PDB file of all heavy atoms in Angstrom:
ATOM      1  N   GLY A   1     116.433 113.863  88.024  1.00  0.00           N
ATOM      2  CA  GLY A   1     115.365 112.885  88.082  1.00  0.00           C
ATOM      3  C   GLY A   1     114.612 112.714  86.786  1.00  0.00           C
ATOM      4  O   GLY A   1     113.557 112.068  86.769  1.00  0.00           O
ATOM      5  N   ASP A   2     115.129 113.271  85.699  1.00  0.00           N
ATOM      6  CA  ASP A   2     114.485 113.142  84.399  1.00  0.00           C
ATOM      7  C   ASP A   2     115.087 111.972  83.624  1.00  0.00           C
ATOM      8  O   ASP A   2     116.284 111.679  83.737  1.00  0.00           O
ATOM      9  CB  ASP A   2     114.653 114.433  83.587  1.00  0.00           C
ATOM     10  CG  ASP A   2     113.944 115.612  84.214  1.00  0.00           C
ATOM     11  OD1 ASP A   2     112.844 115.405  84.767  1.00  0.00           O
ATOM     12  OD2 ASP A   2     114.485 116.735  84.177  1.00  0.00           O
ATOM     13  N   LEU A   3     114.259 111.321  82.804  1.00  0.00           N
ATOM     14  CA  LEU A   3     114.722 110.200  82.003  1.00  0.00           C
ATOM     15  C   LEU A   3     115.844 110.631  81.066  1.00  0.00           C
ATOM     16  O   LEU A   3     115.783 111.685  80.438  1.00  0.00           O
ATOM     17  CB  LEU A   3     113.562 109.639  81.175  1.00  0.00           C
ATOM     18  CG  LEU A   3     113.906 108.532  80.176  1.00  0.00           C
ATOM     19  CD1 LEU A   3     114.289 107.250  80.917  1.00  0.00           C
ATOM     20  CD2 LEU A   3     112.740 108.294  79.224  1.00  0.00           C
ATOM     21  N   THR A   4     116.879 109.817  80.984  1.00  0.00           N
ATOM     22  CA  THR A   4     117.960 110.071  80.031  1.00  0.00           C
ATOM     23  C   THR A   4     118.398 108.761  79.409  1.00  0.00           C
ATOM     24  O   THR A   4     118.349 107.709  80.046  1.00  0.00           O
ATOM     25  CB  THR A   4     119.164 110.754  80.704  1.00  0.00           C
ATOM     26  OG1 THR A   4     120.182 111.000  79.715  1.00  0.00           O
ATOM     27  CG2 THR A   4     119.746 109.892  81.821  1.00  0.00           C
ATOM     28  N   THR A   5     118.819 108.831  78.158  1.00  0.00           N
ATOM     29  CA  THR A   5     119.380 107.668  77.479  1.00  0.00           C
ATOM     30  C   THR A   5     120.873 107.855  77.226  1.00  0.00           C
ATOM     31  O   THR A   5     121.493 107.041  76.554  1.00  0.00           O
ATOM     32  CB  THR A   5     118.661 107.425  76.140  1.00  0.00           C
ATOM     33  OG1 THR A   5     118.792 108.583  75.314  1.00  0.00           O
ATOM     34  CG2 THR A   5     117.180 107.128  76.362  1.00  0.00           C
ATOM     35  N   VAL A   6     121.432 108.903  77.775  1.00  0.00           N
ATOM     36  CA  VAL A   6     122.870 109.191  77.639  1.00  0.00           C
ATOM     37  C   VAL A   6     123.587 108.625  78.859  1.00  0.00           C
ATOM     38  O   VAL A   6     123.312 109.035  79.990  1.00  0.00           O
ATOM     39  CB  VAL A   6     123.127 110.706  77.509  1.00  0.00           C
ATOM     40  CG1 VAL A   6     124.624 110.977  77.360  1.00  0.00           C
ATOM     41  CG2 VAL A   6     122.364 111.267  76.314  1.00  0.00           C
ATOM     42  N   LEU A   7     124.488 107.679  78.646  1.00  0.00           N
ATOM     43  CA  LEU A   7     125.134 106.995  79.769  1.00  0.00           C
ATOM     44  C   LEU A   7     125.854 107.961  80.697  1.00  0.00           C
ATOM     45  O   LEU A   7     125.814 107.827  81.919  1.00  0.00           O
ATOM     46  CB  LEU A   7     126.122 105.949  79.237  1.00  0.00           C
ATOM     47  CG  LEU A   7     125.502 104.734  78.548  1.00  0.00           C
ATOM     48  CD1 LEU A   7     126.587 103.799  78.045  1.00  0.00           C
ATOM     49  CD2 LEU A   7     124.562 103.997  79.495  1.00  0.00           C
ATOM     50  N   GLU A   8     126.524 108.962  80.118  1.00  0.00           N
ATOM     51  CA  GLU A   8     127.291 109.899  80.955  1.00  0.00           C
ATOM     52  C   GLU A   8     126.397 110.728  81.866  1.00  0.00           C
ATOM     53  O   GLU A   8     126.860 111.289  82.860  1.00  0.00           O
ATOM     54  CB  GLU A   8     128.137 110.832  80.075  1.00  0.00           C
ATOM     55  CG  GLU A   8     129.295 110.149  79.374  1.00  0.00           C
ATOM     56  CD  GLU A   8     128.873 109.508  78.068  1.00  0.00           C
ATOM     57  OE1 GLU A   8     127.645 109.417  77.815  1.00  0.00           O
ATOM     58  OE2 GLU A   8     129.764 109.084  77.307  1.00  0.00           O
ATOM     59  N   ARG A   9     125.100 110.839  81.523  1.00  0.00           N
ATOM     60  CA  ARG A   9     124.181 111.639  82.343  1.00  0.00           C
ATOM     61  C   ARG A   9     123.410 110.793  83.350  1.00  0.00           C
ATOM     62  O   ARG A   9     122.686 111.332  84.177  1.00  0.00           O
ATOM     63  CB  ARG A   9     123.193 112.379  81.437  1.00  0.00           C
ATOM     64  CG  ARG A   9     123.845 113.385  80.494  1.00  0.00           C
ATOM     65  CD  ARG A   9     122.813 114.028  79.583  1.00  0.00           C
ATOM     66  NE  ARG A   9     123.428 114.929  78.627  1.00  0.00           N
ATOM     67  CZ  ARG A   9     122.794 115.510  77.614  1.00  0.00           C
ATOM     68  NH1 ARG A   9     121.496 115.256  77.438  1.00  0.00           N
ATOM     69  NH2 ARG A   9     123.420 116.313  76.776  1.00  0.00           N
ATOM     70  N   GLY A  10     123.525 109.481  83.254  1.00  0.00           N
ATOM     71  CA  GLY A  10     122.779 108.611  84.146  1.00  0.00           C
ATOM     72  C   GLY A  10     123.270 108.686  85.574  1.00  0.00           C
ATOM     73  O   GLY A  10     124.466 108.483  85.849  1.00  0.00           O
ATOM     74  N   ALA A  11     122.376 108.997  86.507  1.00  0.00           N
ATOM     75  CA  ALA A  11     122.740 109.113  87.918  1.00  0.00           C
ATOM     76  C   ALA A  11     122.182 107.954  88.742  1.00  0.00           C
ATOM     77  O   ALA A  11     122.848 107.476  89.662  1.00  0.00           O
ATOM     78  CB  ALA A  11     122.242 110.446  88.482  1.00  0.00           C
ATOM     79  N   PHE A  12     120.968 107.505  88.435  1.00  0.00           N
ATOM     80  CA  PHE A  12     120.346 106.418  89.204  1.00  0.00           C
ATOM     81  C   PHE A  12     119.185 105.844  88.389  1.00  0.00           C
ATOM     82  O   PHE A  12     118.646 106.523  87.512  1.00  0.00           O
ATOM     83  CB  PHE A  12     119.831 106.933  90.556  1.00  0.00           C
ATOM     84  CG  PHE A  12     118.884 108.084  90.449  1.00  0.00           C
ATOM     85  CD1 PHE A  12     117.519 107.875  90.312  1.00  0.00           C
ATOM     86  CD2 PHE A  12     119.347 109.400  90.469  1.00  0.00           C
ATOM     87  CE1 PHE A  12     116.640 108.942  90.207  1.00  0.00           C
ATOM     88  CE2 PHE A  12     118.479 110.465  90.358  1.00  0.00           C
ATOM     89  CZ  PHE A  12     117.120 110.241  90.226  1.00  0.00           C
ATOM     90  N   PRO A  13     118.803 104.598  88.648  1.00  0.00           N
ATOM     91  CA  PRO A  13     117.684 104.014  87.911  1.00  0.00           C
ATOM     92  C   PRO A  13     116.348 104.571  88.393  1.00  0.00           C
ATOM     93  O   PRO A  13     116.105 104.690  89.591  1.00  0.00           O
ATOM     94  CB  PRO A  13     117.807 102.519  88.201  1.00  0.00           C
ATOM     95  CG  PRO A  13     118.515 102.448  89.508  1.00  0.00           C
ATOM     96  CD  PRO A  13     119.447 103.628  89.552  1.00  0.00           C
ATOM     97  N   LEU A  14     115.485 104.912  87.446  1.00  0.00           N
ATOM     98  CA  LEU A  14     114.119 105.315  87.767  1.00  0.00           C
ATOM     99  C   LEU A  14     113.213 104.092  87.871  1.00  0.00           C
ATOM    100  O   LEU A  14     112.247 104.087  88.624  1.00  0.00           O
ATOM    101  CB  LEU A  14     113.574 106.245  86.679  1.00  0.00           C
ATOM    102  CG  LEU A  14     114.312 107.569  86.465  1.00  0.00           C
ATOM    103  CD1 LEU A  14     113.765 108.269  85.232  1.00  0.00           C
ATOM    104  CD2 LEU A  14     114.186 108.453  87.685  1.00  0.00           C
ATOM    105  N   LYS A  15     113.568 103.075  87.120  1.00  0.00           N
ATOM    106  CA  LYS A  15     112.748 101.865  87.052  1.00  0.00           C
ATOM    107  C   LYS A  15     113.607 100.737  86.520  1.00  0.00           C
ATOM    108  O   LYS A  15     114.407 100.937  85.603  1.00  0.00           O
ATOM    109  CB  LYS A  15     111.553 102.103  86.122  1.00  0.00           C
ATOM    110  CG  LYS A  15     110.807 100.842  85.669  1.00  0.00           C
ATOM    111  CD  LYS A  15     109.849 101.191  84.531  1.00  0.00           C
ATOM    112  CE  LYS A  15     109.218  99.966  83.917  1.00  0.00           C
ATOM    113  NZ  LYS A  15     108.380 100.308  82.741  1.00  0.00           N
ATOM    114  N   ASP A  16     113.477  99.574  87.104  1.00  0.00           N
ATOM    115  CA  ASP A  16     114.093  98.374  86.539  1.00  0.00           C
ATOM    116  C   ASP A  16     113.220  97.181  86.907  1.00  0.00           C
ATOM    117  O   ASP A  16     113.300  96.654  88.012  1.00  0.00           O
ATOM    118  CB  ASP A  16     115.521  98.169  87.050  1.00  0.00           C
ATOM    119  CG  ASP A  16     116.271  97.122  86.214  1.00  0.00           C
ATOM    120  OD1 ASP A  16     115.596  96.387  85.467  1.00  0.00           O
ATOM    121  OD2 ASP A  16     117.506  97.047  86.314  1.00  0.00           O
ATOM    122  N   ASN A  17     112.345  96.828  85.990  1.00  0.00           N
ATOM    123  CA  ASN A  17     111.453  95.693  86.205  1.00  0.00           C
ATOM    124  C   ASN A  17     111.724  94.604  85.177  1.00  0.00           C
ATOM    125  O   ASN A  17     110.838  93.819  84.838  1.00  0.00           O
ATOM    126  CB  ASN A  17     109.986  96.127  86.148  1.00  0.00           C
ATOM    127  CG  ASN A  17     109.582  96.587  84.754  1.00  0.00           C
ATOM    128  OD1 ASN A  17     110.422  97.001  83.952  1.00  0.00           O
ATOM    129  ND2 ASN A  17     108.291  96.532  84.450  1.00  0.00           N
ATOM    130  N   ARG A  18     112.964  94.559  84.684  1.00  0.00           N
ATOM    131  CA  ARG A  18     113.309  93.498  83.739  1.00  0.00           C
ATOM    132  C   ARG A  18     113.117  92.143  84.420  1.00  0.00           C
ATOM    133  O   ARG A  18     113.450  91.981  85.590  1.00  0.00           O
ATOM    134  CB  ARG A  18     114.746  93.663  83.265  1.00  0.00           C
ATOM    135  CG  ARG A  18     114.957  94.884  82.380  1.00  0.00           C
ATOM    136  CD  ARG A  18     116.410  95.089  82.044  1.00  0.00           C
ATOM    137  NE  ARG A  18     117.190  95.445  83.227  1.00  0.00           N
ATOM    138  CZ  ARG A  18     118.510  95.646  83.212  1.00  0.00           C
ATOM    139  NH1 ARG A  18     119.184  95.513  82.081  1.00  0.00           N
ATOM    140  NH2 ARG A  18     119.134  95.978  84.318  1.00  0.00           N
ATOM    141  N   LEU A  19     112.582  91.191  83.676  1.00  0.00           N
ATOM    142  CA  LEU A  19     112.334  89.873  84.241  1.00  0.00           C
ATOM    143  C   LEU A  19     113.663  89.240  84.648  1.00  0.00           C
ATOM    144  O   LEU A  19     114.612  89.208  83.861  1.00  0.00           O
ATOM    145  CB  LEU A  19     111.605  88.990  83.233  1.00  0.00           C
ATOM    146  CG  LEU A  19     110.190  89.463  82.890  1.00  0.00           C
ATOM    147  CD1 LEU A  19     109.598  88.601  81.789  1.00  0.00           C
ATOM    148  CD2 LEU A  19     109.291  89.443  84.114  1.00  0.00           C
ATOM    149  N   VAL A  20     113.702  88.762  85.862  1.00  0.00           N
ATOM    150  CA  VAL A  20     114.952  88.247  86.423  1.00  0.00           C
ATOM    151  C   VAL A  20     115.087  86.752  86.135  1.00  0.00           C
ATOM    152  O   VAL A  20     114.115  86.084  85.790  1.00  0.00           O
ATOM    153  CB  VAL A  20     114.993  88.502  87.945  1.00  0.00           C
ATOM    154  CG1 VAL A  20     114.960  89.985  88.234  1.00  0.00           C
ATOM    155  CG2 VAL A  20     113.817  87.807  88.637  1.00  0.00           C
ATOM    156  N   PRO A  21     116.290  86.182  86.278  1.00  0.00           N
ATOM    157  CA  PRO A  21     116.452  84.737  86.069  1.00  0.00           C
ATOM    158  C   PRO A  21     115.724  83.947  87.147  1.00  0.00           C
ATOM    159  O   PRO A  21     115.513  84.425  88.268  1.00  0.00           O
ATOM    160  CB  PRO A  21     117.971  84.530  86.173  1.00  0.00           C
ATOM    161  CG  PRO A  21     118.570  85.887  86.013  1.00  0.00           C
ATOM    162  CD  PRO A  21     117.571  86.856  86.542  1.00  0.00           C
ATOM    163  N   ARG A  22     115.337  82.745  86.807  1.00  0.00           N
ATOM    164  CA  ARG A  22     114.707  81.868  87.786  1.00  0.00           C
ATOM    165  C   ARG A  22     115.684  81.618  88.945  1.00  0.00           C
ATOM    166  O   ARG A  22     116.866  81.368  88.739  1.00  0.00           O
ATOM    167  CB  ARG A  22     114.313  80.547  87.145  1.00  0.00           C
ATOM    168  CG  ARG A  22     113.529  79.620  88.064  1.00  0.00           C
ATOM    169  CD  ARG A  22     113.078  78.370  87.330  1.00  0.00           C
ATOM    170  NE  ARG A  22     112.178  78.697  86.229  1.00  0.00           N
ATOM    171  CZ  ARG A  22     111.698  77.793  85.374  1.00  0.00           C
ATOM    172  NH1 ARG A  22     112.050  76.524  85.475  1.00  0.00           N
ATOM    173  NH2 ARG A  22     110.870  78.168  84.407  1.00  0.00           N
ATOM    174  N   GLY A  23     115.184  81.712  90.158  1.00  0.00           N
ATOM    175  CA  GLY A  23     116.021  81.555  91.335  1.00  0.00           C
ATOM    176  C   GLY A  23     116.591  82.851  91.868  1.00  0.00           C
ATOM    177  O   GLY A  23     117.229  82.868  92.920  1.00  0.00           O
ATOM    178  N   PHE A  24     116.333  83.969  91.180  1.00  0.00           N
ATOM    179  CA  PHE A  24     116.869  85.273  91.599  1.00  0.00           C
ATOM    180  C   PHE A  24     116.215  85.706  92.914  1.00  0.00           C
ATOM    181  O   PHE A  24     115.009  85.581  93.100  1.00  0.00           O
ATOM    182  CB  PHE A  24     116.562  86.303  90.516  1.00  0.00           C
ATOM    183  CG  PHE A  24     117.081  87.683  90.803  1.00  0.00           C
ATOM    184  CD1 PHE A  24     118.338  88.067  90.382  1.00  0.00           C
ATOM    185  CD2 PHE A  24     116.296  88.602  91.486  1.00  0.00           C
ATOM    186  CE1 PHE A  24     118.814  89.346  90.633  1.00  0.00           C
ATOM    187  CE2 PHE A  24     116.759  89.873  91.742  1.00  0.00           C
ATOM    188  CZ  PHE A  24     118.018  90.243  91.320  1.00  0.00           C
ATOM    189  N   ARG A  25     117.043  86.230  93.826  1.00  0.00           N
ATOM    190  CA  ARG A  25     116.530  86.703  95.115  1.00  0.00           C
ATOM    191  C   ARG A  25     117.187  88.028  95.470  1.00  0.00           C
ATOM    192  O   ARG A  25     118.336  88.290  95.126  1.00  0.00           O
ATOM    193  CB  ARG A  25     116.807  85.685  96.226  1.00  0.00           C
ATOM    194  CG  ARG A  25     116.122  84.336  96.016  1.00  0.00           C
ATOM    195  CD  ARG A  25     116.259  83.456  97.250  1.00  0.00           C
ATOM    196  NE  ARG A  25     117.671  83.242  97.592  1.00  0.00           N
ATOM    197  CZ  ARG A  25     118.097  82.873  98.799  1.00  0.00           C
ATOM    198  NH1 ARG A  25     117.233  82.703  99.791  1.00  0.00           N
ATOM    199  NH2 ARG A  25     119.385  82.682  99.026  1.00  0.00           N
ATOM    200  N   THR A  26     116.449  88.855  96.196  1.00  0.00           N
ATOM    201  CA  THR A  26     116.977  90.175  96.581  1.00  0.00           C
ATOM    202  C   THR A  26     118.062  90.075  97.641  1.00  0.00           C
ATOM    203  O   THR A  26     118.729  91.071  97.925  1.00  0.00           O
ATOM    204  CB  THR A  26     115.837  91.068  97.101  1.00  0.00           C
ATOM    205  OG1 THR A  26     115.159  90.398  98.179  1.00  0.00           O
ATOM    206  CG2 THR A  26     114.831  91.367  95.995  1.00  0.00           C
ATOM    207  N   VAL A  27     118.255  88.907  98.238  1.00  0.00           N
ATOM    208  CA  VAL A  27     119.315  88.741  99.244  1.00  0.00           C
ATOM    209  C   VAL A  27     120.605  88.229  98.611  1.00  0.00           C
ATOM    210  O   VAL A  27     121.566  87.934  99.315  1.00  0.00           O
ATOM    211  CB  VAL A  27     118.871  87.780 100.364  1.00  0.00           C
ATOM    212  CG1 VAL A  27     117.716  88.376 101.142  1.00  0.00           C
ATOM    213  CG2 VAL A  27     118.490  86.410  99.798  1.00  0.00           C
ATOM    214  N   ASP A  28     120.639  88.143  97.273  1.00  0.00           N
ATOM    215  CA  ASP A  28     121.850  87.686  96.603  1.00  0.00           C
ATOM    216  C   ASP A  28     123.001  88.656  96.885  1.00  0.00           C
ATOM    217  O   ASP A  28     122.794  89.872  96.961  1.00  0.00           O
ATOM    218  CB  ASP A  28     121.596  87.609  95.091  1.00  0.00           C
ATOM    219  CG  ASP A  28     122.742  86.943  94.352  1.00  0.00           C
ATOM    220  OD1 ASP A  28     123.729  87.639  94.041  1.00  0.00           O
ATOM    221  OD2 ASP A  28     122.654  85.734  94.102  1.00  0.00           O
ATOM    222  N   PRO A  29     124.230  88.159  97.047  1.00  0.00           N
ATOM    223  CA  PRO A  29     125.370  89.053  97.334  1.00  0.00           C
ATOM    224  C   PRO A  29     125.597  90.113  96.263  1.00  0.00           C
ATOM    225  O   PRO A  29     126.128  91.184  96.570  1.00  0.00           O
ATOM    226  CB  PRO A  29     126.560  88.079  97.407  1.00  0.00           C
ATOM    227  CG  PRO A  29     125.955  86.761  97.776  1.00  0.00           C
ATOM    228  CD  PRO A  29     124.607  86.732  97.130  1.00  0.00           C
ATOM    229  N   ALA A  30     125.199  89.836  95.013  1.00  0.00           N
ATOM    230  CA  ALA A  30     125.404  90.808  93.935  1.00  0.00           C
ATOM    231  C   ALA A  30     124.175  91.669  93.683  1.00  0.00           C
ATOM    232  O   ALA A  30     124.119  92.366  92.678  1.00  0.00           O
ATOM    233  CB  ALA A  30     125.792  90.080  92.650  1.00  0.00           C
ATOM    234  N   TYR A  31     123.202  91.644  94.610  1.00  0.00           N
ATOM    235  CA  TYR A  31     121.948  92.353  94.360  1.00  0.00           C
ATOM    236  C   TYR A  31     122.147  93.857  94.212  1.00  0.00           C
ATOM    237  O   TYR A  31     121.395  94.524  93.513  1.00  0.00           O
ATOM    238  CB  TYR A  31     120.946  92.071  95.480  1.00  0.00           C
ATOM    239  CG  TYR A  31     119.616  92.761  95.278  1.00  0.00           C
ATOM    240  CD1 TYR A  31     118.772  92.392  94.234  1.00  0.00           C
ATOM    241  CD2 TYR A  31     119.204  93.806  96.109  1.00  0.00           C
ATOM    242  CE1 TYR A  31     117.561  93.027  94.018  1.00  0.00           C
ATOM    243  CE2 TYR A  31     117.994  94.448  95.902  1.00  0.00           C
ATOM    244  CZ  TYR A  31     117.179  94.055  94.859  1.00  0.00           C
ATOM    245  OH  TYR A  31     115.983  94.690  94.651  1.00  0.00           O
ATOM    246  N   ASP A  32     123.178  94.408  94.833  1.00  0.00           N
ATOM    247  CA  ASP A  32     123.379  95.856  94.748  1.00  0.00           C
ATOM    248  C   ASP A  32     123.669  96.313  93.320  1.00  0.00           C
ATOM    249  O   ASP A  32     123.484  97.490  92.992  1.00  0.00           O
ATOM    250  CB  ASP A  32     124.516  96.302  95.679  1.00  0.00           C
ATOM    251  CG  ASP A  32     125.844  95.645  95.329  1.00  0.00           C
ATOM    252  OD1 ASP A  32     125.815  94.524  94.799  1.00  0.00           O
ATOM    253  OD2 ASP A  32     126.887  96.249  95.602  1.00  0.00           O
ATOM    254  N   THR A  33     124.090  95.412  92.450  1.00  0.00           N
ATOM    255  CA  THR A  33     124.347  95.786  91.056  1.00  0.00           C
ATOM    256  C   THR A  33     123.265  95.269  90.106  1.00  0.00           C
ATOM    257  O   THR A  33     123.336  95.518  88.902  1.00  0.00           O
ATOM    258  CB  THR A  33     125.715  95.235  90.594  1.00  0.00           C
ATOM    259  OG1 THR A  33     125.696  93.806  90.690  1.00  0.00           O
ATOM    260  CG2 THR A  33     126.836  95.773  91.457  1.00  0.00           C
ATOM    261  N   THR A  34     122.311  94.546  90.630  1.00  0.00           N
ATOM    262  CA  THR A  34     121.244  93.982  89.784  1.00  0.00           C
ATOM    263  C   THR A  34     119.881  94.212  90.429  1.00  0.00           C
ATOM    264  O   THR A  34     119.023  93.340  90.419  1.00  0.00           O
ATOM    265  CB  THR A  34     121.460  92.470  89.564  1.00  0.00           C
ATOM    266  OG1 THR A  34     121.523  91.823  90.845  1.00  0.00           O
ATOM    267  CG2 THR A  34     122.735  92.204  88.799  1.00  0.00           C
ATOM    268  N   ARG A  35     119.666  95.383  90.984  1.00  0.00           N
ATOM    269  CA  ARG A  35     118.472  95.639  91.788  1.00  0.00           C
ATOM    270  C   ARG A  35     117.195  95.717  90.958  1.00  0.00           C
ATOM    271  O   ARG A  35     117.206  96.167  89.824  1.00  0.00           O
ATOM    272  CB  ARG A  35     118.638  96.949  92.552  1.00  0.00           C
ATOM    273  CG  ARG A  35     119.675  96.917  93.664  1.00  0.00           C
ATOM    274  CD  ARG A  35     119.662  98.213  94.457  1.00  0.00           C
ATOM    275  NE  ARG A  35     120.000  99.360  93.611  1.00  0.00           N
ATOM    276  CZ  ARG A  35     119.385 100.538  93.677  1.00  0.00           C
ATOM    277  NH1 ARG A  35     118.385 100.718  94.525  1.00  0.00           N
ATOM    278  NH2 ARG A  35     119.760 101.533  92.902  1.00  0.00           N
ATOM    279  N   ILE A  36     116.093  95.299  91.570  1.00  0.00           N
ATOM    280  CA  ILE A  36     114.755  95.586  91.059  1.00  0.00           C
ATOM    281  C   ILE A  36     114.380  96.968  91.593  1.00  0.00           C
ATOM    282  O   ILE A  36     114.508  97.233  92.790  1.00  0.00           O
ATOM    283  CB  ILE A  36     113.743  94.532  91.536  1.00  0.00           C
ATOM    284  CG1 ILE A  36     114.164  93.142  91.058  1.00  0.00           C
ATOM    285  CG2 ILE A  36     112.338  94.863  91.056  1.00  0.00           C
ATOM    286  CD1 ILE A  36     113.379  92.023  91.707  1.00  0.00           C
ATOM    287  N   VAL A  37     113.922  97.845  90.719  1.00  0.00           N
ATOM    288  CA  VAL A  37     113.662  99.229  91.117  1.00  0.00           C
ATOM    289  C   VAL A  37     112.236  99.615  90.736  1.00  0.00           C
ATOM    290  O   VAL A  37     111.786  99.325  89.619  1.00  0.00           O
ATOM    291  CB  VAL A  37     114.657 100.200  90.444  1.00  0.00           C
ATOM    292  CG1 VAL A  37     114.353 101.646  90.844  1.00  0.00           C
ATOM    293  CG2 VAL A  37     116.093  99.838  90.801  1.00  0.00           C
ATOM    294  N   GLY A  38     111.542 100.261  91.663  1.00  0.00           N
ATOM    295  CA  GLY A  38     110.210 100.766  91.368  1.00  0.00           C
ATOM    296  C   GLY A  38     109.107  99.868  91.885  1.00  0.00           C
ATOM    297  O   GLY A  38     109.296  99.061  92.801  1.00  0.00           O
ATOM    298  N   ALA A  39     107.931  99.988  91.258  1.00  0.00           N
ATOM    299  CA  ALA A  39     106.737  99.311  91.754  1.00  0.00           C
ATOM    300  C   ALA A  39     106.818  97.794  91.662  1.00  0.00           C
ATOM    301  O   ALA A  39     106.054  97.090  92.333  1.00  0.00           O
ATOM    302  CB  ALA A  39     105.512  99.806  90.972  1.00  0.00           C
ATOM    303  N   ALA A  40     107.730  97.263  90.847  1.00  0.00           N
ATOM    304  CA  ALA A  40     107.860  95.804  90.746  1.00  0.00           C
ATOM    305  C   ALA A  40     108.244  95.184  92.083  1.00  0.00           C
ATOM    306  O   ALA A  40     107.900  94.032  92.361  1.00  0.00           O
ATOM    307  CB  ALA A  40     108.894  95.440  89.686  1.00  0.00           C
ATOM    308  N   LEU A  41     108.942  95.954  92.919  1.00  0.00           N
ATOM    309  CA  LEU A  41     109.332  95.435  94.232  1.00  0.00           C
ATOM    310  C   LEU A  41     108.116  95.129  95.103  1.00  0.00           C
ATOM    311  O   LEU A  41     108.164  94.226  95.937  1.00  0.00           O
ATOM    312  CB  LEU A  41     110.239  96.447  94.947  1.00  0.00           C
ATOM    313  CG  LEU A  41     111.747  96.308  94.744  1.00  0.00           C
ATOM    314  CD1 LEU A  41     112.464  97.428  95.463  1.00  0.00           C
ATOM    315  CD2 LEU A  41     112.244  94.951  95.228  1.00  0.00           C
ATOM    316  N   ALA A  42     107.054  95.893  94.930  1.00  0.00           N
ATOM    317  CA  ALA A  42     105.848  95.697  95.742  1.00  0.00           C
ATOM    318  C   ALA A  42     104.808  94.831  95.041  1.00  0.00           C
ATOM    319  O   ALA A  42     103.741  94.592  95.595  1.00  0.00           O
ATOM    320  CB  ALA A  42     105.231  97.053  96.085  1.00  0.00           C
TER     321      ALA A  42
END
C-alpha cells in the first residue's frame, strides 16, 4: 500500500483523479481499465 513509481512493483492505484474526457461515464464498458480512484469519486 505504499507509493511506488516502479511499474513492476505496482499492485493497484492509490489515487486516479486525472481529468477525464468530456462525456466520460463510470458505466462505460471500458471503465474497469480507466477507473476514477479515491476521493474524486465522491
